[in-house]
């Protein structure tokens, strides 16, 4: 498994060749700033040894999903992983129950045991899971909606991972390139041709469809690029090919009509089946939209477990 210390890699196949040199130069500058800036002020009480066995297992599974979605694998960053380890230790020391504190689990209280500014920063840049092992956390995040978003970003190059007891913490923001040097692309999940896809959605905080807990696995299309895209006139259909092309009703999110008003995702189209999908069936998804004034379409199939 590749482990990143403070170096820099670039291997996104979708980049435009004419921008590659510009990207490398700017990216190198950004990484120098990220690796060297502000470390003298970080509070580091005690020691926090990163659980690299857990991190390695999680990264192997995470990169499997990214490969299936046709985006480049990420590397594990040792500095970011230490912050994630601090935060996982903090959650364990204080017996934080994510169901009770919900989104407050991403911050640390300076008055509580195990607080550190590095752990607090990592918590705010991470997704967190309680009650499962590292690999299962990756699997479950991919069955959610909100927590999946960004995990398959081709502009994500390295992550941090911390594991303590039944808490899993993964920094998925700090190692992401945005703005002028962001690579363009559309990423679909479940990916075209994917088999063994879980049938149902995994509950998360926030929950996208209040009042309905029995949902199928979310189908998402994320658009990436330098400036973002104007997305309009979305049309979609999901059918079951093993049931004669029967229509599968879905909740649909578009940039102008999000599932939750306070959780707008302007670069995402999502379909969540209203019921778990049937087992070992081939599902066909068809989506079209006007993207920056031009018609965009995608038609693909995947097979459930």
Protein backbone atom coordinates (compact mmCIF):
# COMPACT_ATOMS: atom_id res chain seq x y z
CA UNK A 1 0.00 0.00 0.00
CA UNK A 2 1.45 3.40 -0.90
CA UNK A 3 2.12 5.57 2.16
CA UNK A 4 2.58 9.28 1.68
CA UNK A 5 4.82 11.17 4.07
CA UNK A 6 5.21 14.69 2.77
CA UNK A 7 5.80 14.08 -0.89
CA UNK A 8 3.47 14.62 -3.80
CA UNK A 9 2.09 12.36 -6.51
CA UNK A 10 -0.14 12.98 -9.48
CA UNK A 11 -1.73 10.22 -11.52
CA UNK A 12 -5.20 11.33 -12.57
CA UNK A 13 -5.63 10.01 -16.06
CA UNK A 14 -8.44 12.42 -16.89
CA UNK A 15 -6.34 15.55 -16.67
CA UNK A 16 -5.85 17.54 -19.80
CA UNK A 17 -2.29 17.21 -21.05
CA UNK A 18 -1.89 20.95 -21.60
CA UNK A 19 -2.58 21.65 -17.91
CA UNK A 20 -0.32 18.97 -16.47
CA UNK A 21 2.82 21.03 -15.93
CA UNK A 22 0.81 23.92 -14.46
CA UNK A 23 -0.96 21.48 -12.12
CA UNK A 24 2.26 19.89 -10.89
CA UNK A 25 3.87 23.25 -10.12
CA UNK A 26 0.85 24.59 -8.27
CA UNK A 27 0.21 21.29 -6.52
CA UNK A 28 3.81 21.13 -5.33
CA UNK A 29 3.49 24.61 -3.86
CA UNK A 30 0.23 23.66 -2.14
CA UNK A 31 1.78 20.55 -0.63
CA UNK A 32 4.78 22.46 0.69
CA UNK A 33 2.38 24.82 2.43
CA UNK A 34 0.27 21.95 3.75
CA UNK A 35 3.23 19.95 5.04
CA UNK A 36 5.13 22.75 6.66
CA UNK A 37 2.69 25.44 7.70
CA UNK A 38 1.60 25.98 11.29
CA UNK A 39 2.93 22.79 12.83
CA UNK A 40 4.74 24.62 15.62
CA UNK A 41 1.44 25.68 17.20
CA UNK A 42 -0.20 22.24 17.18
CA UNK A 43 -0.88 20.85 20.63
CA UNK A 44 0.28 17.23 20.88
CA UNK A 45 -0.37 15.90 24.37
CA UNK A 46 1.14 12.47 24.89
CA UNK A 47 1.62 10.13 21.97
CA UNK A 48 -0.76 8.65 19.44
CA UNK A 49 0.62 5.75 17.45
CA UNK A 50 -1.29 5.38 14.18
CA UNK A 51 -2.87 1.97 13.78
CA UNK A 52 -1.27 1.27 10.40
CA UNK A 53 -2.66 -2.25 10.15
CA UNK A 54 -6.18 -0.83 10.36
CA UNK A 55 -5.31 2.02 7.99
CA UNK A 56 -3.78 -0.34 5.43
CA UNK A 57 -6.87 -2.55 5.40
CA UNK A 58 -9.14 0.46 5.03
CA UNK A 59 -7.06 1.95 2.21
CA UNK A 60 -7.02 -1.32 0.30
CA UNK A 61 -10.82 -1.49 0.38
CA UNK A 62 -11.21 2.25 -0.32
CA UNK A 63 -8.97 2.04 -3.38
CA UNK A 64 -10.91 -0.96 -4.64
CA UNK A 65 -14.03 1.19 -4.79
CA UNK A 66 -12.13 4.02 -6.47
CA UNK A 67 -10.75 1.62 -9.07
CA UNK A 68 -14.25 0.29 -9.78
CA UNK A 69 -15.37 3.89 -10.34
CA UNK A 70 -12.43 4.46 -12.74
CA UNK A 71 -10.63 7.04 -10.59
CA UNK A 72 -7.06 6.84 -9.38
CA UNK A 73 -6.22 5.34 -5.98
CA UNK A 74 -5.31 7.55 -3.04
CA UNK A 75 -2.31 7.32 -0.74
CA UNK A 76 -2.19 7.27 3.05
CA UNK A 77 -0.65 10.42 4.53
CA UNK A 78 1.20 9.87 7.80
CA UNK A 79 0.76 13.43 9.09
CA UNK A 80 -2.98 13.47 8.44
CA UNK A 81 -3.31 9.97 9.89
CA UNK A 82 -1.79 11.13 13.16
CA UNK A 83 -4.49 13.80 13.44
CA UNK A 84 -7.16 11.20 12.72
CA UNK A 85 -5.62 8.95 15.38
CA UNK A 86 -5.77 11.80 17.90
CA UNK A 87 -9.44 12.29 17.16
CA UNK A 88 -10.24 8.56 17.31
CA UNK A 89 -8.47 8.44 20.69
CA UNK A 90 -10.43 11.49 21.89
CA UNK A 91 -13.75 9.87 20.93
CA UNK A 92 -12.74 6.69 22.75
CA UNK A 93 -11.47 8.41 25.89
CA UNK A 94 -14.72 10.35 26.23
CA UNK A 95 -17.00 7.50 25.17
CA UNK A 96 -18.66 9.74 22.59
CA UNK A 97 -21.86 8.26 21.18
CA UNK A 98 -22.36 9.50 17.63
CA UNK A 99 -26.11 8.94 17.78
CA UNK A 100 -26.32 11.23 20.79
CA UNK A 101 -23.99 14.04 19.73
CA UNK A 102 -24.50 13.64 15.95
CA UNK A 103 -22.46 16.21 13.97
CA UNK A 104 -20.82 17.50 17.17
CA UNK A 105 -18.64 14.37 17.01
CA UNK A 106 -16.52 16.23 14.45
CA UNK A 107 -15.26 18.74 17.02
CA UNK A 108 -13.31 18.41 20.27
CA UNK A 109 -14.04 20.12 23.57
CA UNK A 110 -10.84 21.62 25.05
CA UNK A 111 -12.08 20.80 28.55
CA UNK A 112 -12.25 17.05 27.89
CA UNK A 113 -9.54 14.40 28.07
CA UNK A 114 -7.44 13.85 24.98
CA UNK A 115 -8.18 17.21 23.37
CA UNK A 116 -5.66 18.44 20.80
CA UNK A 117 -5.85 21.10 18.14
CA UNK A 118 -4.60 18.58 15.59
CA UNK A 119 -7.31 16.11 16.53
CA UNK A 120 -9.93 18.87 16.42
CA UNK A 121 -8.82 19.88 12.93
CA UNK A 122 -8.83 16.26 11.76
CA UNK A 123 -12.33 15.74 13.11
CA UNK A 124 -13.64 18.68 11.10
CA UNK A 125 -12.04 17.30 7.91
CA UNK A 126 -13.15 13.71 8.40
CA UNK A 127 -15.97 11.25 8.12
CA UNK A 128 -16.45 9.16 11.27
CA UNK A 129 -17.92 5.74 11.97
CA UNK A 130 -18.66 4.09 15.31
CA UNK A 131 -19.30 0.43 16.00
CA UNK A 132 -17.56 -1.28 13.08
CA UNK A 133 -14.07 -2.35 11.97
CA UNK A 134 -12.10 -0.25 9.42
CA UNK A 135 -13.02 -2.22 6.29
CA UNK A 136 -16.69 -2.37 7.23
CA UNK A 137 -16.65 1.39 7.76
CA UNK A 138 -15.49 1.86 4.15
CA UNK A 139 -18.18 -0.53 2.89
CA UNK A 140 -20.88 1.23 4.88
CA UNK A 141 -19.82 4.74 3.81
CA UNK A 142 -20.21 3.63 0.20
CA UNK A 143 -23.81 2.60 0.97
CA UNK A 144 -24.69 6.06 2.30
CA UNK A 145 -25.51 9.20 0.35
CA UNK A 146 -23.96 12.22 2.06
CA UNK A 147 -20.89 10.41 3.39
CA UNK A 148 -20.17 8.89 -0.01
CA UNK A 149 -20.06 12.27 -1.73
CA UNK A 150 -16.47 13.25 -2.50
CA UNK A 151 -14.99 9.83 -1.74
CA UNK A 152 -14.68 9.15 -5.47
CA UNK A 153 -13.41 12.62 -6.36
CA UNK A 154 -10.56 12.29 -8.92
CA UNK A 155 -9.02 15.33 -7.19
CA UNK A 156 -8.61 13.47 -3.90
CA UNK A 157 -5.00 12.24 -3.73
CA UNK A 158 -4.26 11.33 -0.13
CA UNK A 159 -6.18 10.72 3.08
CA UNK A 160 -5.55 10.25 6.76
CA UNK A 161 -6.95 7.32 8.73
CA UNK A 162 -7.17 6.73 12.46
CA UNK A 163 -8.67 3.75 14.28
CA UNK A 164 -9.24 3.22 17.98
CA UNK A 165 -11.60 0.66 19.52
CA UNK A 166 -14.79 0.90 17.43
CA UNK A 167 -14.15 4.43 16.10
CA UNK A 168 -12.93 4.94 12.54
CA UNK A 169 -11.86 8.43 11.39
CA UNK A 170 -10.85 9.25 7.80
CA UNK A 171 -9.73 12.72 6.68
CA UNK A 172 -11.15 13.15 3.18
CA UNK A 173 -10.82 16.91 2.78
CA UNK A 174 -7.22 17.88 3.45
CA UNK A 175 -5.78 15.87 0.55
CA UNK A 176 -8.14 17.24 -2.09
CA UNK A 177 -7.23 19.67 -4.87
CA UNK A 178 -9.88 22.27 -5.76
CA UNK A 179 -10.23 25.44 -7.80
CA UNK A 180 -8.14 26.27 -10.84
CA UNK A 181 -6.23 23.01 -10.85
CA UNK A 182 -9.18 20.65 -10.27
CA UNK A 183 -9.54 17.88 -12.84
CA UNK A 184 -12.88 17.73 -14.67
CA UNK A 185 -15.08 14.67 -14.85
CA UNK A 186 -18.31 12.93 -13.91
CA UNK A 187 -18.19 9.97 -11.52
CA UNK A 188 -21.03 7.44 -11.33
CA UNK A 189 -21.74 5.04 -8.48
CA UNK A 190 -22.69 2.21 -8.41
CA UNK A 191 -20.25 2.09 -11.28
CA UNK A 192 -21.18 0.78 -14.73
CA UNK A 193 -20.82 -2.99 -14.88
CA UNK A 194 -20.31 -3.33 -11.13
CA UNK A 195 -21.47 -6.61 -9.59
CA UNK A 196 -22.23 -7.56 -5.99
CA UNK A 197 -23.72 -4.15 -5.24
CA UNK A 198 -25.45 -3.99 -1.82
CA UNK A 199 -29.22 -3.76 -2.15
CA UNK A 200 -29.95 -1.15 0.48
CA UNK A 201 -28.97 2.19 1.96
CA UNK A 202 -26.97 2.45 5.20
CA UNK A 203 -28.40 4.85 7.75
CA UNK A 204 -26.34 8.02 8.31
CA UNK A 205 -26.50 11.43 9.99
CA UNK A 206 -28.12 13.40 8.44
CA UNK A 207 -30.70 11.07 6.96
CA UNK A 208 -31.68 12.21 3.44
CA UNK A 209 -35.31 11.01 3.43
CA UNK A 210 -36.98 11.80 6.78
CA UNK A 211 -39.69 9.31 7.66
CA UNK A 212 -38.47 6.60 5.29
CA UNK A 213 -35.84 4.20 6.66
CA UNK A 214 -36.14 1.38 4.13
CA UNK A 215 -34.33 2.64 1.06
CA UNK A 216 -32.32 1.16 -1.77
CA UNK A 217 -28.66 1.94 -2.28
CA UNK A 218 -28.23 5.54 -3.51
CA UNK A 219 -27.28 6.04 -7.15
CA UNK A 220 -25.12 9.15 -7.49
CA UNK A 221 -23.51 11.19 -10.24
CA UNK A 222 -20.96 13.76 -9.12
CA UNK A 223 -19.56 16.42 -11.42
CA UNK A 224 -16.10 17.84 -10.86
CA UNK A 225 -14.13 20.65 -12.45
CA UNK A 226 -12.49 24.02 -12.06
CA UNK A 227 -15.53 26.26 -11.70
CA UNK A 228 -18.44 23.89 -11.21
CA UNK A 229 -21.28 23.32 -13.64
CA UNK A 230 -24.80 24.65 -14.16
CA UNK A 231 -27.07 21.61 -14.09
CA UNK A 232 -30.70 21.80 -15.19
CA UNK A 233 -33.57 19.81 -16.75
CA UNK A 234 -32.66 16.51 -15.15
CA UNK A 235 -34.52 13.42 -16.33
CA UNK A 236 -33.98 9.95 -14.90
CA UNK A 237 -35.28 6.40 -14.90
CA UNK A 238 -34.25 3.25 -13.03
CA UNK A 239 -35.51 -0.16 -14.16
CA UNK A 240 -35.10 -3.82 -13.21
CA UNK A 241 -33.99 -5.78 -16.27
CA UNK A 242 -34.62 -9.12 -14.54
CA UNK A 243 -38.22 -8.11 -13.93
CA UNK A 244 -38.99 -7.30 -17.54
CA UNK A 245 -37.76 -3.73 -17.29
CA UNK A 246 -40.09 -2.87 -14.40
CA UNK A 247 -39.84 0.73 -13.24
CA UNK A 248 -38.14 1.29 -9.87
CA UNK A 249 -39.52 4.38 -8.11
CA UNK A 250 -36.84 6.65 -6.67
CA UNK A 251 -36.46 9.82 -4.68
CA UNK A 252 -34.55 12.23 -6.92
CA UNK A 253 -32.19 15.02 -5.91
CA UNK A 254 -31.08 17.70 -8.35
CA UNK A 255 -29.14 20.92 -7.68
CA UNK A 256 -32.39 22.89 -7.49
CA UNK A 257 -34.32 20.29 -5.50
CA UNK A 258 -32.23 18.68 -2.71
CA UNK A 259 -33.45 15.98 -0.37
CA UNK A 260 -32.77 18.27 2.59
CA UNK A 261 -32.98 22.05 2.12
CA UNK A 262 -29.95 22.69 4.33
CA UNK A 263 -27.82 20.13 2.46
CA UNK A 264 -27.72 21.45 -1.08
CA UNK A 265 -25.24 19.72 -3.38
CA UNK A 266 -24.95 21.82 -6.52
CA UNK A 267 -22.78 19.35 -8.45
CA UNK A 268 -24.73 16.17 -7.71
CA UNK A 269 -27.61 14.25 -9.23
CA UNK A 270 -28.87 11.44 -7.01
CA UNK A 271 -31.52 8.73 -7.16
CA UNK A 272 -32.46 6.78 -4.05
CA UNK A 273 -34.76 3.80 -4.68
CA UNK A 274 -37.79 3.93 -2.41
CA UNK A 275 -37.23 0.30 -1.40
CA UNK A 276 -34.20 -2.02 -1.20
CA UNK A 277 -33.33 -3.39 -4.61
CA UNK A 278 -34.05 -7.06 -5.40
CA UNK A 279 -31.25 -9.54 -4.87
CA UNK A 280 -29.07 -10.67 -7.78
CA UNK A 281 -30.88 -8.48 -10.29
CA UNK A 282 -29.43 -6.31 -13.03
CA UNK A 283 -30.47 -2.70 -12.59
CA UNK A 284 -30.41 -0.16 -15.41
CA UNK A 285 -30.10 3.58 -14.75
CA UNK A 286 -30.69 6.31 -17.31
CA UNK A 287 -29.95 9.96 -16.53
CA UNK A 288 -29.86 13.03 -18.73
CA UNK A 289 -29.44 16.72 -17.98
CA UNK A 290 -28.43 20.02 -19.47
CA UNK A 291 -24.87 20.66 -18.26
CA UNK A 292 -23.73 24.21 -18.96
CA UNK A 293 -26.29 24.39 -21.75
CA UNK A 294 -25.35 21.09 -23.42
CA UNK A 295 -27.19 17.80 -23.23
CA UNK A 296 -25.43 15.16 -21.10
CA UNK A 297 -26.63 11.57 -20.90
CA UNK A 298 -25.57 8.38 -19.14
CA UNK A 299 -27.01 4.88 -19.39
CA UNK A 300 -25.48 2.02 -17.45
CA UNK A 301 -26.19 -1.21 -15.61
CA UNK A 302 -25.05 -2.86 -12.37
CA UNK A 303 -25.96 -6.08 -10.59
CA UNK A 304 -26.98 -6.42 -6.94
CA UNK A 305 -25.82 -8.95 -4.37
